[in-house]
Amino acid sequence: MRIWRRSSGHRLRRKAAACGALAAFAVLSIGLAAVEASAQEAPSAESAPTEAADPTGARKVVEETLRSVLAVLDQRDVPSDERRRQIEQIAYQRFDFVTMSKLVVARPWRKFSKEQKKSFISEFRQHLSRSYGKRIDRYQQTDLEVAGHVMEPRGDVTVRTVIATGEFEGTEVDYRMRYRSGRWRAIDVVIEGISLVSNFRSQFQPILSQGGPEELLRRLAEKNAELAAEDAAGVESR
């Protein structure tokens, strides 16, 4: 049962959502899901970073993360649950998940209570983890190359990468990085021109408009419970 409709953009041209692009999804989805969101309120996602940083640092973070995650995915003799755990450890500090949650919800975020914000971060994290984590077994060996970086407003840097081998060679995957508290972290990932943040925002806005934070949290929890049941059924059938 779907709790919301996926936008056409979420299909990522169908092609990019298939196994050939799974390396990018693994870095994106499993990595984001691994981030244990802080209970403290992060700086506003809409405010400009106060620190200046060398943009090549953002590129280095992406290069190191991709290299490490792909090495784990290529370990076919390691159980998928263990590979997922390893990827979570690699990506633990690579994504600013609190900022991403704010960007996904956008203006309605200010209407969330402190407890609702904590709940959304937790439920959204679980949603990404359960939705994409099980795709590890469908991963096919893929190489991604860093193609350069572009300066963005607010001091952000977009690091551009491309799938360099396999059936989906040429698929572009961009990571928007923000420097804060002395480190670069990802705040969005764009696959073939489709932004993760924008895509989820388009799905969540109608729910927020009609039912507010409580309804969105209810639907997320319901969907996560459904996905958890599917995971459990999959384990039992092995």
Protein backbone atom coordinates (compact mmCIF):
# COMPACT_ATOMS: atom_id res chain seq x y z
CA MET A 1 0.00 0.00 0.00
CA ARG A 2 1.41 3.36 -1.00
CA ILE A 3 0.94 6.28 1.32
CA TRP A 4 1.76 8.82 -1.36
CA ARG A 5 2.27 8.83 -5.06
CA ARG A 6 5.74 8.98 -6.41
CA SER A 7 6.34 11.82 -8.79
CA SER A 8 7.46 11.02 -12.31
CA GLY A 9 10.85 12.42 -11.39
CA HIS A 10 11.27 9.77 -8.72
CA ARG A 11 11.46 7.16 -11.44
CA LEU A 12 14.78 8.74 -12.37
CA ARG A 13 13.98 7.99 -15.97
CA ARG A 14 13.42 4.36 -14.83
CA LYS A 15 16.87 3.63 -16.17
CA ALA A 16 18.74 5.37 -13.37
CA ALA A 17 16.63 3.64 -10.76
CA ALA A 18 17.64 0.20 -12.02
CA CYS A 19 20.57 -1.89 -10.85
CA GLY A 20 23.16 -0.08 -12.94
CA ALA A 21 22.72 3.08 -10.85
CA LEU A 22 22.60 1.26 -7.55
CA ALA A 23 26.11 2.29 -6.60
CA ALA A 24 24.94 5.90 -6.53
CA PHE A 25 21.79 4.97 -4.63
CA ALA A 26 23.85 3.04 -2.09
CA VAL A 27 26.01 6.04 -1.31
CA LEU A 28 22.94 8.25 -1.21
CA SER A 29 20.30 6.17 0.49
CA ILE A 30 22.21 3.93 2.84
CA GLY A 31 24.59 6.70 3.71
CA LEU A 32 21.81 9.13 4.54
CA ALA A 33 19.91 6.53 6.49
CA ALA A 34 22.97 5.83 8.61
CA VAL A 35 23.26 9.33 9.97
CA GLU A 36 22.14 9.43 13.59
CA ALA A 37 20.48 12.84 13.72
CA SER A 38 21.39 15.05 16.63
CA ALA A 39 18.66 15.85 19.12
CA GLN A 40 19.93 19.42 19.18
CA GLU A 41 18.53 21.92 16.71
CA ALA A 42 20.99 22.44 13.87
CA PRO A 43 21.67 25.86 12.31
CA SER A 44 18.99 26.95 9.88
CA ALA A 45 19.27 25.20 6.52
CA GLU A 46 18.35 28.49 4.87
CA SER A 47 21.11 30.53 6.47
CA ALA A 48 24.43 30.99 4.78
CA PRO A 49 27.39 29.11 6.22
CA THR A 50 29.59 31.37 8.29
CA GLU A 51 32.85 29.67 7.38
CA ALA A 52 34.87 29.83 4.22
CA ALA A 53 36.51 26.63 3.00
CA ASP A 54 38.55 25.29 0.14
CA PRO A 55 36.02 23.75 -2.30
CA THR A 56 38.48 21.03 -3.23
CA GLY A 57 37.85 19.65 0.24
CA ALA A 58 34.27 18.84 -0.78
CA ARG A 59 35.53 16.95 -3.80
CA LYS A 60 37.96 14.98 -1.65
CA VAL A 61 35.18 13.93 0.74
CA VAL A 62 33.07 12.64 -2.16
CA GLU A 63 36.01 10.82 -3.75
CA GLU A 64 36.95 9.08 -0.51
CA THR A 65 33.34 8.14 0.28
CA LEU A 66 32.66 6.71 -3.17
CA ARG A 67 35.87 4.72 -3.16
CA SER A 68 35.17 3.23 0.26
CA VAL A 69 31.50 2.42 -0.39
CA LEU A 70 32.15 0.81 -3.77
CA ALA A 71 34.87 -1.35 -2.21
CA VAL A 72 32.34 -2.65 0.31
CA LEU A 73 29.68 -3.27 -2.34
CA ASP A 74 32.15 -5.31 -4.37
CA GLN A 75 32.64 -7.77 -1.49
CA ARG A 76 30.15 -10.31 -2.82
CA ASP A 77 31.21 -12.97 -0.32
CA VAL A 78 30.14 -10.74 2.59
CA PRO A 79 26.45 -10.95 3.64
CA SER A 80 24.36 -7.96 2.57
CA ASP A 81 23.49 -7.04 6.16
CA GLU A 82 27.17 -6.80 7.03
CA ARG A 83 27.95 -4.76 3.91
CA ARG A 84 25.14 -2.41 4.79
CA ARG A 85 26.54 -2.00 8.31
CA GLN A 86 29.97 -1.20 6.88
CA ILE A 87 28.50 1.38 4.52
CA GLU A 88 26.65 2.98 7.41
CA GLN A 89 29.92 3.35 9.31
CA ILE A 90 31.65 4.90 6.28
CA ALA A 91 28.85 7.37 5.67
CA TYR A 92 28.12 8.19 9.30
CA GLN A 93 29.55 11.70 9.15
CA ARG A 94 29.27 12.38 5.44
CA PHE A 95 25.69 13.72 5.37
CA ASP A 96 24.01 16.61 7.18
CA PHE A 97 20.74 14.84 7.74
CA VAL A 98 19.19 17.48 9.97
CA THR A 99 19.67 20.12 7.26
CA MET A 100 18.32 17.74 4.63
CA SER A 101 15.20 17.13 6.72
CA LYS A 102 14.62 20.85 6.95
CA LEU A 103 15.07 21.27 3.21
CA VAL A 104 12.68 18.40 2.46
CA VAL A 105 9.93 19.82 4.67
CA ALA A 106 10.72 23.45 3.72
CA ARG A 107 8.56 26.21 5.25
CA PRO A 108 6.22 23.92 7.21
CA TRP A 109 9.26 22.91 9.29
CA ARG A 110 8.67 25.91 11.52
CA LYS A 111 5.23 24.53 12.38
CA PHE A 112 6.72 21.30 13.72
CA SER A 113 7.16 21.08 17.47
CA LYS A 114 10.57 20.06 18.81
CA GLU A 115 9.36 16.49 19.31
CA GLN A 116 7.81 16.38 15.83
CA LYS A 117 11.11 17.49 14.30
CA LYS A 118 12.93 14.69 16.11
CA SER A 119 10.29 12.20 15.00
CA PHE A 120 10.45 13.30 11.38
CA ILE A 121 14.23 13.00 11.25
CA SER A 122 14.02 9.51 12.72
CA GLU A 123 11.15 8.31 10.51
CA PHE A 124 12.62 9.79 7.33
CA ARG A 125 15.98 8.19 8.10
CA GLN A 126 14.28 4.82 8.56
CA HIS A 127 12.29 5.28 5.38
CA LEU A 128 15.40 5.77 3.27
CA SER A 129 17.17 2.89 4.96
CA ARG A 130 14.35 0.39 4.50
CA SER A 131 13.47 1.57 1.00
CA TYR A 132 16.94 1.32 -0.48
CA GLY A 133 19.06 -0.76 1.88
CA LYS A 134 17.65 -4.04 0.62
CA ARG A 135 18.86 -3.20 -2.90
CA ILE A 136 22.43 -4.09 -2.03
CA ASP A 137 21.92 -7.62 -3.34
CA ARG A 138 20.96 -6.19 -6.75
CA TYR A 139 24.14 -4.16 -7.08
CA GLN A 140 26.20 -4.78 -10.19
CA GLN A 141 29.86 -3.76 -10.30
CA THR A 142 30.01 -0.12 -11.28
CA ASP A 143 32.68 2.56 -11.31
CA LEU A 144 31.92 6.20 -10.57
CA GLU A 145 34.31 9.01 -11.45
CA VAL A 146 34.45 12.54 -10.10
CA ALA A 147 34.01 14.89 -13.05
CA GLY A 148 34.61 18.22 -11.32
CA HIS A 149 32.96 20.68 -8.97
CA VAL A 150 30.89 23.86 -9.25
CA MET A 151 30.54 26.69 -6.75
CA GLU A 152 26.97 27.35 -5.62
CA PRO A 153 25.20 30.13 -3.67
CA ARG A 154 25.71 30.25 0.11
CA GLY A 155 29.18 28.81 -0.26
CA ASP A 156 27.95 25.34 -1.19
CA VAL A 157 29.81 23.19 -3.70
CA THR A 158 28.28 20.68 -6.11
CA VAL A 159 30.63 17.78 -6.78
CA ARG A 160 29.80 16.15 -10.09
CA THR A 161 30.28 12.43 -10.65
CA VAL A 162 29.38 10.08 -13.48
CA ILE A 163 28.86 6.31 -13.74
CA ALA A 164 31.86 5.30 -15.84
CA THR A 165 31.15 1.65 -16.60
CA GLY A 166 28.32 -0.78 -17.16
CA GLU A 167 24.95 -0.60 -18.81
CA PHE A 168 24.22 2.85 -17.42
CA GLU A 169 27.53 4.45 -18.30
CA GLY A 170 27.20 8.22 -18.45
CA THR A 171 24.54 8.59 -15.73
CA GLU A 172 25.30 11.78 -13.80
CA VAL A 173 25.20 11.88 -10.00
CA ASP A 174 25.86 15.21 -8.27
CA TYR A 175 26.43 15.79 -4.56
CA ARG A 176 25.68 19.20 -3.07
CA MET A 177 28.08 19.80 -0.22
CA ARG A 178 27.98 22.36 2.58
CA TYR A 179 30.82 23.36 4.89
CA ARG A 180 29.91 23.85 8.52
CA SER A 181 31.60 23.23 11.84
CA GLY A 182 34.88 22.50 10.13
CA ARG A 183 33.76 19.81 7.68
CA TRP A 184 32.05 19.23 4.35
CA ARG A 185 28.85 17.19 4.37
CA ALA A 186 26.23 16.39 1.73
CA ILE A 187 22.87 18.15 1.87
CA ASP A 188 21.41 16.83 -1.40
CA VAL A 189 22.09 14.31 -4.15
CA VAL A 190 20.93 14.83 -7.74
CA ILE A 191 20.70 11.83 -10.08
CA GLU A 192 20.15 12.60 -13.76
CA GLY A 193 18.88 16.05 -12.85
CA ILE A 194 16.46 14.79 -10.17
CA SER A 195 17.08 16.14 -6.67
CA LEU A 196 16.40 13.85 -3.71
CA VAL A 197 15.37 16.82 -1.59
CA SER A 198 13.06 18.34 -4.21
CA ASN A 199 11.53 14.99 -5.06
CA PHE A 200 10.56 14.15 -1.49
CA ARG A 201 9.41 17.72 -0.91
CA SER A 202 6.95 17.40 -3.81
CA GLN A 203 5.59 14.19 -2.29
CA PHE A 204 5.29 15.53 1.26
CA GLN A 205 3.86 18.99 0.58
CA PRO A 206 0.28 17.83 -0.31
CA ILE A 207 0.19 15.75 2.87
CA LEU A 208 1.41 18.66 4.98
CA SER A 209 -1.08 21.02 3.35
CA GLN A 210 -3.99 18.72 4.10
CA GLY A 211 -3.07 17.17 7.42
CA GLY A 212 -0.09 19.00 8.84
CA PRO A 213 2.91 17.47 10.63
CA GLU A 214 0.89 14.84 12.47
CA GLU A 215 -0.49 13.34 9.27
CA LEU A 216 2.90 13.22 7.58
CA LEU A 217 4.46 11.55 10.61
CA ARG A 218 1.59 9.06 10.77
CA ARG A 219 2.01 8.09 7.13
CA LEU A 220 5.76 7.78 7.39
CA ALA A 221 5.46 5.55 10.45
CA GLU A 222 2.83 3.44 8.68
CA LYS A 223 5.00 3.00 5.62
CA ASN A 224 8.06 2.16 7.69
CA ALA A 225 6.09 -0.50 9.55
CA GLU A 226 5.03 -1.97 6.22
CA LEU A 227 8.61 -2.03 4.95
CA ALA A 228 9.82 -3.56 8.23
CA ALA A 229 7.28 -6.37 7.83
CA GLU A 230 8.52 -6.98 4.29
CA ASP A 231 12.10 -7.14 5.55
CA ALA A 232 11.14 -9.62 8.25
CA ALA A 233 9.29 -11.78 5.74
CA GLY A 234 12.34 -11.75 3.49
CA VAL A 235 14.61 -12.94 6.29
CA GLU A 236 12.24 -15.76 7.20
CA SER A 237 12.09 -16.95 3.60
CA ARG A 238 15.87 -17.30 3.27
